[in-house]
Structures are given as structure tokens and as C-alpha cells.
Amino acid sequence: MMKMYQKAREYVAKSGLLGGVIIQYLIWKDKGKDKTYLVFRPSGGSSLSGSLGNEYHVLIDFIAPDNDPESIDDLVTNVAEYITQHQFDDCLGFIQVLGAIPTPVTTEDGRIVYRLQISIKHGN
């Protein structure tokens, strides 16, 4: 069974923006400082009900390569724009970005990380 954060990855992949990006789930595993990473993980939501619709939150970490920090800024902006332009998905339901684009943080080795949170309203 595919989990909601995995379904969110499939949805974002439809944007065509993820070429050359390493996709991971739950935990970031560094495979080289020259690579761009997206890590999808669950991030809470509403109480789950079998008879009502549910809201799922998914956190997407955008991790920049050390040699091109501006590229991650462009990627997070483009993915957020894709979500705002395609808020309804037949599989997921209603999708939106929570809290707009967050302030980036840096890793110990100086790479930029954005943590974009999305909300998925799934079900009736």
C-alpha cells in the first residue's frame, strides 16, 4: 500500500521538475555534495476517520548541492507554483502549500535546505 507521502511524490513528479533530483523517503541519506535531494516524509494532519475526509500533511525537504545553492531556491519556487496551479488531483484530492515558502536553513557543511509543507485533503 502506498503511503500518502509517497503519493505526494508521485503528484510532484507530474510537474516534470524533478529531473536529476535524488528522491528519498523519511530520512536524508547524503550520496554526494554535488547532488540535489528531495526527501518526502509525513508531517501530521487531522484525526483519521474511516467515514470522513482526512487531511494529511507532508514535509518535503529540498536540499541544495554545495556548488549551486540558487538552484534549490528556483526548484522550491517552481514546485510551490506547480502546486498552486494544480490544486486538485484525481488520486489525492485538494493540495495546497502550508505557510508559503519557508526561510531556508543550512546544513553543517553549508548547503541550503528548504522544508516545504503541503496539505492534502483526501476523501469525502
PDB file of N, CA and C in Angstrom:
ATOM      1  N   MET A   1       0.833  -1.172   0.000  1.00  0.00           N
ATOM      2  CA  MET A   1       0.000   0.000   0.000  1.00  0.00           C
ATOM      3  C   MET A   1       0.891   1.253   0.000  1.00  0.00           C
ATOM      4  N   MET A   2       0.624   2.157  -0.901  1.00  0.00           N
ATOM      5  CA  MET A   2       1.405   3.383  -0.999  1.00  0.00           C
ATOM      6  C   MET A   2       0.949   4.366   0.073  1.00  0.00           C
ATOM      7  N   LYS A   3       1.907   4.925   0.788  1.00  0.00           N
ATOM      8  CA  LYS A   3       1.620   5.889   1.844  1.00  0.00           C
ATOM      9  C   LYS A   3       1.411   7.271   1.237  1.00  0.00           C
ATOM     10  N   MET A   4       0.778   8.176   2.012  1.00  0.00           N
ATOM     11  CA  MET A   4       0.419   9.485   1.478  1.00  0.00           C
ATOM     12  C   MET A   4       1.647  10.283   1.049  1.00  0.00           C
ATOM     13  N   TYR A   5       2.740  10.223   1.783  1.00  0.00           N
ATOM     14  CA  TYR A   5       3.936  10.974   1.378  1.00  0.00           C
ATOM     15  C   TYR A   5       4.523  10.412   0.080  1.00  0.00           C
ATOM     16  N   GLN A   6       4.331   9.126  -0.168  1.00  0.00           N
ATOM     17  CA  GLN A   6       4.768   8.541  -1.437  1.00  0.00           C
ATOM     18  C   GLN A   6       3.845   8.974  -2.577  1.00  0.00           C
ATOM     19  N   LYS A   7       2.556   9.059  -2.288  1.00  0.00           N
ATOM     20  CA  LYS A   7       1.605   9.570  -3.281  1.00  0.00           C
ATOM     21  C   LYS A   7       1.904  11.035  -3.603  1.00  0.00           C
ATOM     22  N   ALA A   8       2.304  11.794  -2.582  1.00  0.00           N
ATOM     23  CA  ALA A   8       2.666  13.197  -2.803  1.00  0.00           C
ATOM     24  C   ALA A   8       3.859  13.293  -3.744  1.00  0.00           C
ATOM     25  N   ARG A   9       4.798  12.398  -3.614  1.00  0.00           N
ATOM     26  CA  ARG A   9       5.951  12.376  -4.520  1.00  0.00           C
ATOM     27  C   ARG A   9       5.500  12.123  -5.949  1.00  0.00           C
ATOM     28  N   GLU A  10       4.586  11.189  -6.137  1.00  0.00           N
ATOM     29  CA  GLU A  10       4.061  10.896  -7.476  1.00  0.00           C
ATOM     30  C   GLU A  10       3.387  12.131  -8.061  1.00  0.00           C
ATOM     31  N   TYR A  11       2.641  12.840  -7.236  1.00  0.00           N
ATOM     32  CA  TYR A  11       1.965  14.057  -7.668  1.00  0.00           C
ATOM     33  C   TYR A  11       2.990  15.115  -8.097  1.00  0.00           C
ATOM     34  N   VAL A  12       4.001  15.364  -7.272  1.00  0.00           N
ATOM     35  CA  VAL A  12       5.022  16.365  -7.601  1.00  0.00           C
ATOM     36  C   VAL A  12       5.808  15.952  -8.841  1.00  0.00           C
ATOM     37  N   ALA A  13       6.024  14.662  -9.022  1.00  0.00           N
ATOM     38  CA  ALA A  13       6.757  14.178 -10.200  1.00  0.00           C
ATOM     39  C   ALA A  13       6.027  14.520 -11.500  1.00  0.00           C
ATOM     40  N   LYS A  14       4.690  14.630 -11.445  1.00  0.00           N
ATOM     41  CA  LYS A  14       3.913  15.001 -12.635  1.00  0.00           C
ATOM     42  C   LYS A  14       4.286  16.383 -13.150  1.00  0.00           C
ATOM     43  N   SER A  15       4.903  17.198 -12.302  1.00  0.00           N
ATOM     44  CA  SER A  15       5.280  18.557 -12.696  1.00  0.00           C
ATOM     45  C   SER A  15       6.385  18.569 -13.744  1.00  0.00           C
ATOM     46  N   GLY A  16       7.157  17.488 -13.822  1.00  0.00           N
ATOM     47  CA  GLY A  16       8.289  17.440 -14.741  1.00  0.00           C
ATOM     48  C   GLY A  16       9.491  18.221 -14.244  1.00  0.00           C
ATOM     49  N   LEU A  17       9.472  18.646 -12.993  1.00  0.00           N
ATOM     50  CA  LEU A  17      10.544  19.472 -12.437  1.00  0.00           C
ATOM     51  C   LEU A  17      11.633  18.684 -11.720  1.00  0.00           C
ATOM     52  N   LEU A  18      11.488  17.380 -11.612  1.00  0.00           N
ATOM     53  CA  LEU A  18      12.383  16.606 -10.759  1.00  0.00           C
ATOM     54  C   LEU A  18      13.516  15.900 -11.484  1.00  0.00           C
ATOM     55  N   GLY A  19      13.769  16.255 -12.732  1.00  0.00           N
ATOM     56  CA  GLY A  19      14.869  15.637 -13.471  1.00  0.00           C
ATOM     57  C   GLY A  19      16.197  15.896 -12.788  1.00  0.00           C
ATOM     58  N   GLY A  20      16.977  14.846 -12.577  1.00  0.00           N
ATOM     59  CA  GLY A  20      18.286  14.978 -11.960  1.00  0.00           C
ATOM     60  C   GLY A  20      18.265  15.097 -10.444  1.00  0.00           C
ATOM     61  N   VAL A  21      17.085  15.061  -9.841  1.00  0.00           N
ATOM     62  CA  VAL A  21      16.954  15.179  -8.389  1.00  0.00           C
ATOM     63  C   VAL A  21      16.893  13.777  -7.788  1.00  0.00           C
ATOM     64  N   ILE A  22      17.603  13.568  -6.694  1.00  0.00           N
ATOM     65  CA  ILE A  22      17.541  12.292  -5.979  1.00  0.00           C
ATOM     66  C   ILE A  22      16.365  12.364  -5.002  1.00  0.00           C
ATOM     67  N   ILE A  23      15.427  11.432  -5.155  1.00  0.00           N
ATOM     68  CA  ILE A  23      14.236  11.378  -4.300  1.00  0.00           C
ATOM     69  C   ILE A  23      14.473  10.356  -3.200  1.00  0.00           C
ATOM     70  N   GLN A  24      14.166  10.755  -1.979  1.00  0.00           N
ATOM     71  CA  GLN A  24      14.289   9.855  -0.845  1.00  0.00           C
ATOM     72  C   GLN A  24      13.047   9.988   0.031  1.00  0.00           C
ATOM     73  N   TYR A  25      12.863   8.992   0.898  1.00  0.00           N
ATOM     74  CA  TYR A  25      11.741   8.994   1.821  1.00  0.00           C
ATOM     75  C   TYR A  25      12.244   8.937   3.264  1.00  0.00           C
ATOM     76  N   LEU A  26      11.567   9.650   4.126  1.00  0.00           N
ATOM     77  CA  LEU A  26      11.749   9.646   5.574  1.00  0.00           C
ATOM     78  C   LEU A  26      13.050  10.277   6.061  1.00  0.00           C
ATOM     79  N   ILE A  27      14.203   9.819   5.595  1.00  0.00           N
ATOM     80  CA  ILE A  27      15.489  10.303   6.097  1.00  0.00           C
ATOM     81  C   ILE A  27      16.403  10.638   4.925  1.00  0.00           C
ATOM     82  N   TRP A  28      17.105  11.758   5.023  1.00  0.00           N
ATOM     83  CA  TRP A  28      18.074  12.150   4.008  1.00  0.00           C
ATOM     84  C   TRP A  28      19.350  11.331   4.178  1.00  0.00           C
ATOM     85  N   LYS A  29      19.748  10.684   3.093  1.00  0.00           N
ATOM     86  CA  LYS A  29      20.996   9.932   3.049  1.00  0.00           C
ATOM     87  C   LYS A  29      21.884  10.604   2.010  1.00  0.00           C
ATOM     88  N   ASP A  30      22.934  11.270   2.453  1.00  0.00           N
ATOM     89  CA  ASP A  30      23.808  12.036   1.570  1.00  0.00           C
ATOM     90  C   ASP A  30      24.623  11.098   0.674  1.00  0.00           C
ATOM     91  N   LYS A  31      24.473  11.274  -0.636  1.00  0.00           N
ATOM     92  CA  LYS A  31      25.190  10.448  -1.608  1.00  0.00           C
ATOM     93  C   LYS A  31      26.144  11.299  -2.442  1.00  0.00           C
ATOM     94  N   GLY A  32      26.447  12.479  -1.951  1.00  0.00           N
ATOM     95  CA  GLY A  32      27.366  13.358  -2.658  1.00  0.00           C
ATOM     96  C   GLY A  32      26.943  14.804  -2.539  1.00  0.00           C
ATOM     97  N   LYS A  33      27.897  15.672  -2.262  1.00  0.00           N
ATOM     98  CA  LYS A  33      27.602  17.087  -2.052  1.00  0.00           C
ATOM     99  C   LYS A  33      27.206  17.809  -3.326  1.00  0.00           C
ATOM    100  N   ASP A  34      27.446  17.210  -4.474  1.00  0.00           N
ATOM    101  CA  ASP A  34      27.120  17.858  -5.744  1.00  0.00           C
ATOM    102  C   ASP A  34      25.733  17.492  -6.251  1.00  0.00           C
ATOM    103  N   LYS A  35      24.935  16.837  -5.428  1.00  0.00           N
ATOM    104  CA  LYS A  35      23.617  16.360  -5.837  1.00  0.00           C
ATOM    105  C   LYS A  35      22.509  17.190  -5.171  1.00  0.00           C
ATOM    106  N   THR A  36      21.338  17.209  -5.825  1.00  0.00           N
ATOM    107  CA  THR A  36      20.137  17.836  -5.283  1.00  0.00           C
ATOM    108  C   THR A  36      19.214  16.734  -4.782  1.00  0.00           C
ATOM    109  N   TYR A  37      18.637  16.942  -3.591  1.00  0.00           N
ATOM    110  CA  TYR A  37      17.788  15.933  -2.966  1.00  0.00           C
ATOM    111  C   TYR A  37      16.420  16.501  -2.620  1.00  0.00           C
ATOM    112  N   LEU A  38      15.407  15.650  -2.724  1.00  0.00           N
ATOM    113  CA  LEU A  38      14.099  15.917  -2.148  1.00  0.00           C
ATOM    114  C   LEU A  38      13.778  14.731  -1.253  1.00  0.00           C
ATOM    115  N   VAL A  39      13.393  15.033  -0.018  1.00  0.00           N
ATOM    116  CA  VAL A  39      13.032  13.984   0.939  1.00  0.00           C
ATOM    117  C   VAL A  39      11.580  14.199   1.335  1.00  0.00           C
ATOM    118  N   PHE A  40      10.757  13.190   1.109  1.00  0.00           N
ATOM    119  CA  PHE A  40       9.327  13.237   1.437  1.00  0.00           C
ATOM    120  C   PHE A  40       9.103  12.464   2.726  1.00  0.00           C
ATOM    121  N   ARG A  41       8.328  13.079   3.650  1.00  0.00           N
ATOM    122  CA  ARG A  41       8.030  12.411   4.922  1.00  0.00           C
ATOM    123  C   ARG A  41       6.679  12.883   5.448  1.00  0.00           C
ATOM    124  N   PRO A  42       6.010  12.060   6.264  1.00  0.00           N
ATOM    125  CA  PRO A  42       4.750  12.501   6.854  1.00  0.00           C
ATOM    126  C   PRO A  42       5.006  13.613   7.862  1.00  0.00           C
ATOM    127  N   SER A  43       3.990  14.478   8.053  1.00  0.00           N
ATOM    128  CA  SER A  43       4.138  15.599   8.974  1.00  0.00           C
ATOM    129  C   SER A  43       2.824  15.913   9.691  1.00  0.00           C
ATOM    130  N   GLY A  44       2.082  14.870  10.061  1.00  0.00           N
ATOM    131  CA  GLY A  44       0.849  15.061  10.818  1.00  0.00           C
ATOM    132  C   GLY A  44      -0.358  15.311   9.941  1.00  0.00           C
ATOM    133  N   GLY A  45      -1.355  15.959  10.520  1.00  0.00           N
ATOM    134  CA  GLY A  45      -2.604  16.228   9.820  1.00  0.00           C
ATOM    135  C   GLY A  45      -3.766  16.185  10.785  1.00  0.00           C
ATOM    136  N   SER A  46      -4.944  15.870  10.257  1.00  0.00           N
ATOM    137  CA  SER A  46      -6.146  15.803  11.091  1.00  0.00           C
ATOM    138  C   SER A  46      -6.290  14.421  11.711  1.00  0.00           C
ATOM    139  N   SER A  47      -7.292  14.303  12.579  1.00  0.00           N
ATOM    140  CA  SER A  47      -7.652  12.982  13.087  1.00  0.00           C
ATOM    141  C   SER A  47      -8.124  12.140  11.915  1.00  0.00           C
ATOM    142  N   LEU A  48      -7.776  10.867  11.907  1.00  0.00           N
ATOM    143  CA  LEU A  48      -8.165   9.999  10.801  1.00  0.00           C
ATOM    144  C   LEU A  48      -9.523   9.370  11.073  1.00  0.00           C
ATOM    145  N   SER A  49     -10.361   9.378  10.052  1.00  0.00           N
ATOM    146  CA  SER A  49     -11.706   8.835  10.162  1.00  0.00           C
ATOM    147  C   SER A  49     -11.991   7.972   8.944  1.00  0.00           C
ATOM    148  N   GLY A  50     -12.652   6.865   9.169  1.00  0.00           N
ATOM    149  CA  GLY A  50     -12.995   5.989   8.057  1.00  0.00           C
ATOM    150  C   GLY A  50     -14.163   6.501   7.235  1.00  0.00           C
ATOM    151  N   SER A  51     -14.999   7.374   7.809  1.00  0.00           N
ATOM    152  CA  SER A  51     -16.199   7.805   7.102  1.00  0.00           C
ATOM    153  C   SER A  51     -16.150   9.260   6.633  1.00  0.00           C
ATOM    154  N   LEU A  52     -15.116   9.999   7.052  1.00  0.00           N
ATOM    155  CA  LEU A  52     -14.987  11.394   6.654  1.00  0.00           C
ATOM    156  C   LEU A  52     -13.679  11.587   5.890  1.00  0.00           C
ATOM    157  N   GLY A  53     -13.561  12.709   5.225  1.00  0.00           N
ATOM    158  CA  GLY A  53     -12.298  13.037   4.587  1.00  0.00           C
ATOM    159  C   GLY A  53     -11.235  13.323   5.632  1.00  0.00           C
ATOM    160  N   ASN A  54      -9.996  13.164   5.260  1.00  0.00           N
ATOM    161  CA  ASN A  54      -8.879  13.384   6.169  1.00  0.00           C
ATOM    162  C   ASN A  54      -7.913  14.387   5.567  1.00  0.00           C
ATOM    163  N   GLU A  55      -7.188  15.073   6.445  1.00  0.00           N
ATOM    164  CA  GLU A  55      -6.148  15.991   5.994  1.00  0.00           C
ATOM    165  C   GLU A  55      -4.796  15.426   6.398  1.00  0.00           C
ATOM    166  N   TYR A  56      -3.933  15.280   5.423  1.00  0.00           N
ATOM    167  CA  TYR A  56      -2.587  14.781   5.640  1.00  0.00           C
ATOM    168  C   TYR A  56      -1.596  15.901   5.351  1.00  0.00           C
ATOM    169  N   HIS A  57      -0.587  16.032   6.192  1.00  0.00           N
ATOM    170  CA  HIS A  57       0.489  16.981   5.924  1.00  0.00           C
ATOM    171  C   HIS A  57       1.731  16.193   5.522  1.00  0.00           C
ATOM    172  N   VAL A  58       2.412  16.698   4.502  1.00  0.00           N
ATOM    173  CA  VAL A  58       3.642  16.076   4.019  1.00  0.00           C
ATOM    174  C   VAL A  58       4.721  17.150   4.014  1.00  0.00           C
ATOM    175  N   LEU A  59       5.876  16.808   4.558  1.00  0.00           N
ATOM    176  CA  LEU A  59       7.021  17.707   4.567  1.00  0.00           C
ATOM    177  C   LEU A  59       7.974  17.281   3.460  1.00  0.00           C
ATOM    178  N   ILE A  60       8.379  18.245   2.645  1.00  0.00           N
ATOM    179  CA  ILE A  60       9.332  17.973   1.567  1.00  0.00           C
ATOM    180  C   ILE A  60      10.582  18.791   1.849  1.00  0.00           C
ATOM    181  N   ASP A  61      11.685  18.111   2.101  1.00  0.00           N
ATOM    182  CA  ASP A  61      12.969  18.783   2.280  1.00  0.00           C
ATOM    183  C   ASP A  61      13.637  18.913   0.913  1.00  0.00           C
ATOM    184  N   PHE A  62      14.005  20.137   0.559  1.00  0.00           N
ATOM    185  CA  PHE A  62      14.727  20.443  -0.673  1.00  0.00           C
ATOM    186  C   PHE A  62      16.162  20.743  -0.257  1.00  0.00           C
ATOM    187  N   ILE A  63      17.108  19.916  -0.637  1.00  0.00           N
ATOM    188  CA  ILE A  63      18.492  20.061  -0.193  1.00  0.00           C
ATOM    189  C   ILE A  63      19.364  20.378  -1.402  1.00  0.00           C
ATOM    190  N   ALA A  64      20.046  21.507  -1.321  1.00  0.00           N
ATOM    191  CA  ALA A  64      20.839  22.019  -2.444  1.00  0.00           C
ATOM    192  C   ALA A  64      22.187  21.333  -2.537  1.00  0.00           C
ATOM    193  N   PRO A  65      22.729  21.257  -3.755  1.00  0.00           N
ATOM    194  CA  PRO A  65      24.130  20.851  -3.890  1.00  0.00           C
ATOM    195  C   PRO A  65      25.012  21.983  -3.363  1.00  0.00           C
ATOM    196  N   ASP A  66      26.211  21.650  -2.911  1.00  0.00           N
ATOM    197  CA  ASP A  66      27.067  22.695  -2.350  1.00  0.00           C
ATOM    198  C   ASP A  66      27.619  23.651  -3.401  1.00  0.00           C
ATOM    199  N   ASN A  67      27.571  23.258  -4.660  1.00  0.00           N
ATOM    200  CA  ASN A  67      28.139  24.096  -5.720  1.00  0.00           C
ATOM    201  C   ASN A  67      27.103  24.955  -6.444  1.00  0.00           C
ATOM    202  N   ASP A  68      25.822  24.879  -6.060  1.00  0.00           N
ATOM    203  CA  ASP A  68      24.788  25.642  -6.758  1.00  0.00           C
ATOM    204  C   ASP A  68      23.599  25.912  -5.836  1.00  0.00           C
ATOM    205  N   PRO A  69      23.774  26.749  -4.819  1.00  0.00           N
ATOM    206  CA  PRO A  69      22.686  26.979  -3.857  1.00  0.00           C
ATOM    207  C   PRO A  69      21.458  27.649  -4.467  1.00  0.00           C
ATOM    208  N   GLU A  70      21.633  28.451  -5.516  1.00  0.00           N
ATOM    209  CA  GLU A  70      20.486  29.137  -6.115  1.00  0.00           C
ATOM    210  C   GLU A  70      19.522  28.167  -6.802  1.00  0.00           C
ATOM    211  N   SER A  71      20.040  27.029  -7.251  1.00  0.00           N
ATOM    212  CA  SER A  71      19.178  26.075  -7.962  1.00  0.00           C
ATOM    213  C   SER A  71      18.055  25.550  -7.068  1.00  0.00           C
ATOM    214  N   ILE A  72      18.314  25.389  -5.780  1.00  0.00           N
ATOM    215  CA  ILE A  72      17.283  24.864  -4.889  1.00  0.00           C
ATOM    216  C   ILE A  72      16.210  25.912  -4.638  1.00  0.00           C
ATOM    217  N   ASP A  73      16.616  27.187  -4.630  1.00  0.00           N
ATOM    218  CA  ASP A  73      15.654  28.270  -4.486  1.00  0.00           C
ATOM    219  C   ASP A  73      14.692  28.273  -5.667  1.00  0.00           C
ATOM    220  N   ASP A  74      15.228  28.086  -6.864  1.00  0.00           N
ATOM    221  CA  ASP A  74      14.380  28.007  -8.057  1.00  0.00           C
ATOM    222  C   ASP A  74      13.468  26.783  -8.001  1.00  0.00           C
ATOM    223  N   LEU A  75      14.010  25.636  -7.583  1.00  0.00           N
ATOM    224  CA  LEU A  75      13.216  24.408  -7.557  1.00  0.00           C
ATOM    225  C   LEU A  75      12.056  24.508  -6.572  1.00  0.00           C
ATOM    226  N   VAL A  76      12.305  24.975  -5.359  1.00  0.00           N
ATOM    227  CA  VAL A  76      11.218  25.070  -4.379  1.00  0.00           C
ATOM    228  C   VAL A  76      10.156  26.065  -4.849  1.00  0.00           C
ATOM    229  N   THR A  77      10.577  27.150  -5.468  1.00  0.00           N
ATOM    230  CA  THR A  77       9.621  28.130  -6.002  1.00  0.00           C
ATOM    231  C   THR A  77       8.784  27.519  -7.110  1.00  0.00           C
ATOM    232  N   ASN A  78       9.418  26.783  -8.017  1.00  0.00           N
ATOM    233  CA  ASN A  78       8.694  26.170  -9.128  1.00  0.00           C
ATOM    234  C   ASN A  78       7.741  25.073  -8.666  1.00  0.00           C
ATOM    235  N   VAL A  79       8.138  24.275  -7.686  1.00  0.00           N
ATOM    236  CA  VAL A  79       7.247  23.234  -7.160  1.00  0.00           C
ATOM    237  C   VAL A  79       6.062  23.880  -6.441  1.00  0.00           C
ATOM    238  N   ALA A  80       6.302  24.908  -5.644  1.00  0.00           N
ATOM    239  CA  ALA A  80       5.200  25.604  -4.966  1.00  0.00           C
ATOM    240  C   ALA A  80       4.241  26.210  -5.982  1.00  0.00           C
ATOM    241  N   GLU A  81       4.777  26.773  -7.042  1.00  0.00           N
ATOM    242  CA  GLU A  81       3.928  27.353  -8.102  1.00  0.00           C
ATOM    243  C   GLU A  81       3.120  26.253  -8.795  1.00  0.00           C
ATOM    244  N   TYR A  82       3.743  25.104  -9.052  1.00  0.00           N
ATOM    245  CA  TYR A  82       3.022  23.979  -9.659  1.00  0.00           C
ATOM    246  C   TYR A  82       1.836  23.575  -8.770  1.00  0.00           C
ATOM    247  N   ILE A  83       2.077  23.483  -7.470  1.00  0.00           N
ATOM    248  CA  ILE A  83       1.014  23.082  -6.544  1.00  0.00           C
ATOM    249  C   ILE A  83      -0.121  24.107  -6.555  1.00  0.00           C
ATOM    250  N   THR A  84       0.202  25.390  -6.557  1.00  0.00           N
ATOM    251  CA  THR A  84      -0.855  26.404  -6.549  1.00  0.00           C
ATOM    252  C   THR A  84      -1.631  26.426  -7.856  1.00  0.00           C
ATOM    253  N   GLN A  85      -1.018  25.994  -8.942  1.00  0.00           N
ATOM    254  CA  GLN A  85      -1.702  25.959 -10.239  1.00  0.00           C
ATOM    255  C   GLN A  85      -2.435  24.634 -10.492  1.00  0.00           C
ATOM    256  N   HIS A  86      -2.141  23.607  -9.694  1.00  0.00           N
ATOM    257  CA  HIS A  86      -2.743  22.266  -9.866  1.00  0.00           C
ATOM    258  C   HIS A  86      -3.203  21.738  -8.513  1.00  0.00           C
ATOM    259  N   GLN A  87      -4.148  22.432  -7.892  1.00  0.00           N
ATOM    260  CA  GLN A  87      -4.554  22.108  -6.529  1.00  0.00           C
ATOM    261  C   GLN A  87      -5.501  20.916  -6.422  1.00  0.00           C
ATOM    262  N   PHE A  88      -6.007  20.438  -7.512  1.00  0.00           N
ATOM    263  CA  PHE A  88      -6.904  19.287  -7.474  1.00  0.00           C
ATOM    264  C   PHE A  88      -6.291  18.131  -8.239  1.00  0.00           C
ATOM    265  N   ASP A  89      -6.248  16.968  -7.611  1.00  0.00           N
ATOM    266  CA  ASP A  89      -5.690  15.770  -8.223  1.00  0.00           C
ATOM    267  C   ASP A  89      -6.691  14.638  -8.037  1.00  0.00           C
ATOM    268  N   ASP A  90      -6.942  13.869  -9.088  1.00  0.00           N
ATOM    269  CA  ASP A  90      -7.921  12.778  -9.030  1.00  0.00           C
ATOM    270  C   ASP A  90      -7.589  11.744  -7.956  1.00  0.00           C
ATOM    271  N   CYS A  91      -6.320  11.494  -7.731  1.00  0.00           N
ATOM    272  CA  CYS A  91      -5.902  10.492  -6.749  1.00  0.00           C
ATOM    273  C   CYS A  91      -5.852  11.050  -5.327  1.00  0.00           C
ATOM    274  N   LEU A  92      -5.343  12.271  -5.170  1.00  0.00           N
ATOM    275  CA  LEU A  92      -5.121  12.825  -3.837  1.00  0.00           C
ATOM    276  C   LEU A  92      -6.267  13.662  -3.306  1.00  0.00           C
ATOM    277  N   GLY A  93      -6.882  14.455  -4.149  1.00  0.00           N
ATOM    278  CA  GLY A  93      -7.894  15.407  -3.703  1.00  0.00           C
ATOM    279  C   GLY A  93      -7.365  16.820  -3.822  1.00  0.00           C
ATOM    280  N   PHE A  94      -7.544  17.628  -2.759  1.00  0.00           N
ATOM    281  CA  PHE A  94      -7.142  19.031  -2.760  1.00  0.00           C
ATOM    282  C   PHE A  94      -5.771  19.171  -2.103  1.00  0.00           C
ATOM    283  N   ILE A  95      -4.840  19.833  -2.797  1.00  0.00           N
ATOM    284  CA  ILE A  95      -3.467  20.001  -2.318  1.00  0.00           C
ATOM    285  C   ILE A  95      -3.160  21.491  -2.230  1.00  0.00           C
ATOM    286  N   GLN A  96      -2.476  21.894  -1.149  1.00  0.00           N
ATOM    287  CA  GLN A  96      -2.030  23.275  -1.043  1.00  0.00           C
ATOM    288  C   GLN A  96      -0.735  23.344  -0.242  1.00  0.00           C
ATOM    289  N   VAL A  97       0.008  24.418  -0.452  1.00  0.00           N
ATOM    290  CA  VAL A  97       1.222  24.684   0.310  1.00  0.00           C
ATOM    291  C   VAL A  97       0.821  25.365   1.604  1.00  0.00           C
ATOM    292  N   LEU A  98       1.324  24.873   2.733  1.00  0.00           N
ATOM    293  CA  LEU A  98       1.053  25.473   4.038  1.00  0.00           C
ATOM    294  C   LEU A  98       2.172  26.461   4.384  1.00  0.00           C
ATOM    295  N   GLY A  99       1.809  27.667   4.751  1.00  0.00           N
ATOM    296  CA  GLY A  99       2.800  28.628   5.220  1.00  0.00           C
ATOM    297  C   GLY A  99       3.699  29.213   4.146  1.00  0.00           C
ATOM    298  N   ALA A 100       3.325  29.094   2.896  1.00  0.00           N
ATOM    299  CA  ALA A 100       4.128  29.628   1.779  1.00  0.00           C
ATOM    300  C   ALA A 100       5.523  29.007   1.774  1.00  0.00           C
ATOM    301  N   ILE A 101       6.477  29.690   1.167  1.00  0.00           N
ATOM    302  CA  ILE A 101       7.840  29.157   1.082  1.00  0.00           C
ATOM    303  C   ILE A 101       8.589  29.566   2.354  1.00  0.00           C
ATOM    304  N   PRO A 102       9.125  28.592   3.079  1.00  0.00           N
ATOM    305  CA  PRO A 102       9.756  28.894   4.361  1.00  0.00           C
ATOM    306  C   PRO A 102      11.148  29.516   4.208  1.00  0.00           C
ATOM    307  N   THR A 103      11.647  30.023   5.313  1.00  0.00           N
ATOM    308  CA  THR A 103      13.019  30.511   5.363  1.00  0.00           C
ATOM    309  C   THR A 103      13.969  29.324   5.234  1.00  0.00           C
ATOM    310  N   PRO A 104      14.981  29.412   4.388  1.00  0.00           N
ATOM    311  CA  PRO A 104      15.915  28.289   4.281  1.00  0.00           C
ATOM    312  C   PRO A 104      16.824  28.216   5.512  1.00  0.00           C
ATOM    313  N   VAL A 105      17.278  27.017   5.798  1.00  0.00           N
ATOM    314  CA  VAL A 105      18.284  26.777   6.831  1.00  0.00           C
ATOM    315  C   VAL A 105      19.494  26.166   6.131  1.00  0.00           C
ATOM    316  N   THR A 106      20.592  26.027   6.859  1.00  0.00           N
ATOM    317  CA  THR A 106      21.780  25.419   6.254  1.00  0.00           C
ATOM    318  C   THR A 106      22.192  24.176   7.027  1.00  0.00           C
ATOM    319  N   THR A 107      22.818  23.269   6.294  1.00  0.00           N
ATOM    320  CA  THR A 107      23.373  22.070   6.917  1.00  0.00           C
ATOM    321  C   THR A 107      24.722  22.437   7.557  1.00  0.00           C
ATOM    322  N   GLU A 108      25.313  21.501   8.277  1.00  0.00           N
ATOM    323  CA  GLU A 108      26.621  21.740   8.892  1.00  0.00           C
ATOM    324  C   GLU A 108      27.688  22.076   7.857  1.00  0.00           C
ATOM    325  N   ASP A 109      27.533  21.530   6.654  1.00  0.00           N
ATOM    326  CA  ASP A 109      28.531  21.803   5.613  1.00  0.00           C
ATOM    327  C   ASP A 109      28.119  22.950   4.687  1.00  0.00           C
ATOM    328  N   GLY A 110      27.080  23.713   5.081  1.00  0.00           N
ATOM    329  CA  GLY A 110      26.738  24.940   4.382  1.00  0.00           C
ATOM    330  C   GLY A 110      25.766  24.826   3.223  1.00  0.00           C
ATOM    331  N   ARG A 111      25.144  23.679   3.046  1.00  0.00           N
ATOM    332  CA  ARG A 111      24.150  23.548   1.976  1.00  0.00           C
ATOM    333  C   ARG A 111      22.810  24.107   2.423  1.00  0.00           C
ATOM    334  N   ILE A 112      22.092  24.708   1.498  1.00  0.00           N
ATOM    335  CA  ILE A 112      20.784  25.289   1.789  1.00  0.00           C
ATOM    336  C   ILE A 112      19.705  24.200   1.783  1.00  0.00           C
ATOM    337  N   VAL A 113      18.787  24.292   2.759  1.00  0.00           N
ATOM    338  CA  VAL A 113      17.661  23.364   2.863  1.00  0.00           C
ATOM    339  C   VAL A 113      16.375  24.170   3.054  1.00  0.00           C
ATOM    340  N   TYR A 114      15.391  23.890   2.212  1.00  0.00           N
ATOM    341  CA  TYR A 114      14.034  24.408   2.389  1.00  0.00           C
ATOM    342  C   TYR A 114      13.175  23.247   2.861  1.00  0.00           C
ATOM    343  N   ARG A 115      12.241  23.517   3.780  1.00  0.00           N
ATOM    344  CA  ARG A 115      11.322  22.493   4.268  1.00  0.00           C
ATOM    345  C   ARG A 115       9.909  22.947   3.932  1.00  0.00           C
ATOM    346  N   LEU A 116       9.426  22.523   2.781  1.00  0.00           N
ATOM    347  CA  LEU A 116       8.100  22.921   2.292  1.00  0.00           C
ATOM    348  C   LEU A 116       7.068  21.933   2.824  1.00  0.00           C
ATOM    349  N   GLN A 117       6.018  22.459   3.458  1.00  0.00           N
ATOM    350  CA  GLN A 117       4.952  21.605   3.964  1.00  0.00           C
ATOM    351  C   GLN A 117       3.721  21.752   3.103  1.00  0.00           C
ATOM    352  N   ILE A 118       3.142  20.618   2.721  1.00  0.00           N
ATOM    353  CA  ILE A 118       1.912  20.641   1.936  1.00  0.00           C
ATOM    354  C   ILE A 118       0.802  19.941   2.706  1.00  0.00           C
ATOM    355  N   SER A 119      -0.417  20.335   2.392  1.00  0.00           N
ATOM    356  CA  SER A 119      -1.610  19.752   2.971  1.00  0.00           C
ATOM    357  C   SER A 119      -2.386  19.038   1.876  1.00  0.00           C
ATOM    358  N   ILE A 120      -2.825  17.831   2.168  1.00  0.00           N
ATOM    359  CA  ILE A 120      -3.623  17.053   1.215  1.00  0.00           C
ATOM    360  C   ILE A 120      -4.934  16.710   1.899  1.00  0.00           C
ATOM    361  N   LYS A 121      -6.031  17.197   1.324  1.00  0.00           N
ATOM    362  CA  LYS A 121      -7.365  16.866   1.844  1.00  0.00           C
ATOM    363  C   LYS A 121      -7.897  15.733   0.981  1.00  0.00           C
ATOM    364  N   HIS A 122      -7.958  14.547   1.591  1.00  0.00           N
ATOM    365  CA  HIS A 122      -8.238  13.317   0.860  1.00  0.00           C
ATOM    366  C   HIS A 122      -9.524  12.679   1.388  1.00  0.00           C
ATOM    367  N   GLY A 123     -10.380  12.264   0.497  1.00  0.00           N
ATOM    368  CA  GLY A 123     -11.616  11.577   0.884  1.00  0.00           C
ATOM    369  C   GLY A 123     -12.825  12.488   0.863  1.00  0.00           C
ATOM    370  N   ASN A 124     -13.945  11.944   1.343  1.00  0.00           N
ATOM    371  CA  ASN A 124     -15.217  12.689   1.323  1.00  0.00           C
ATOM    372  C   ASN A 124     -15.383  13.607   2.502  1.00  0.00           C
TER     373      ASN A 124
END
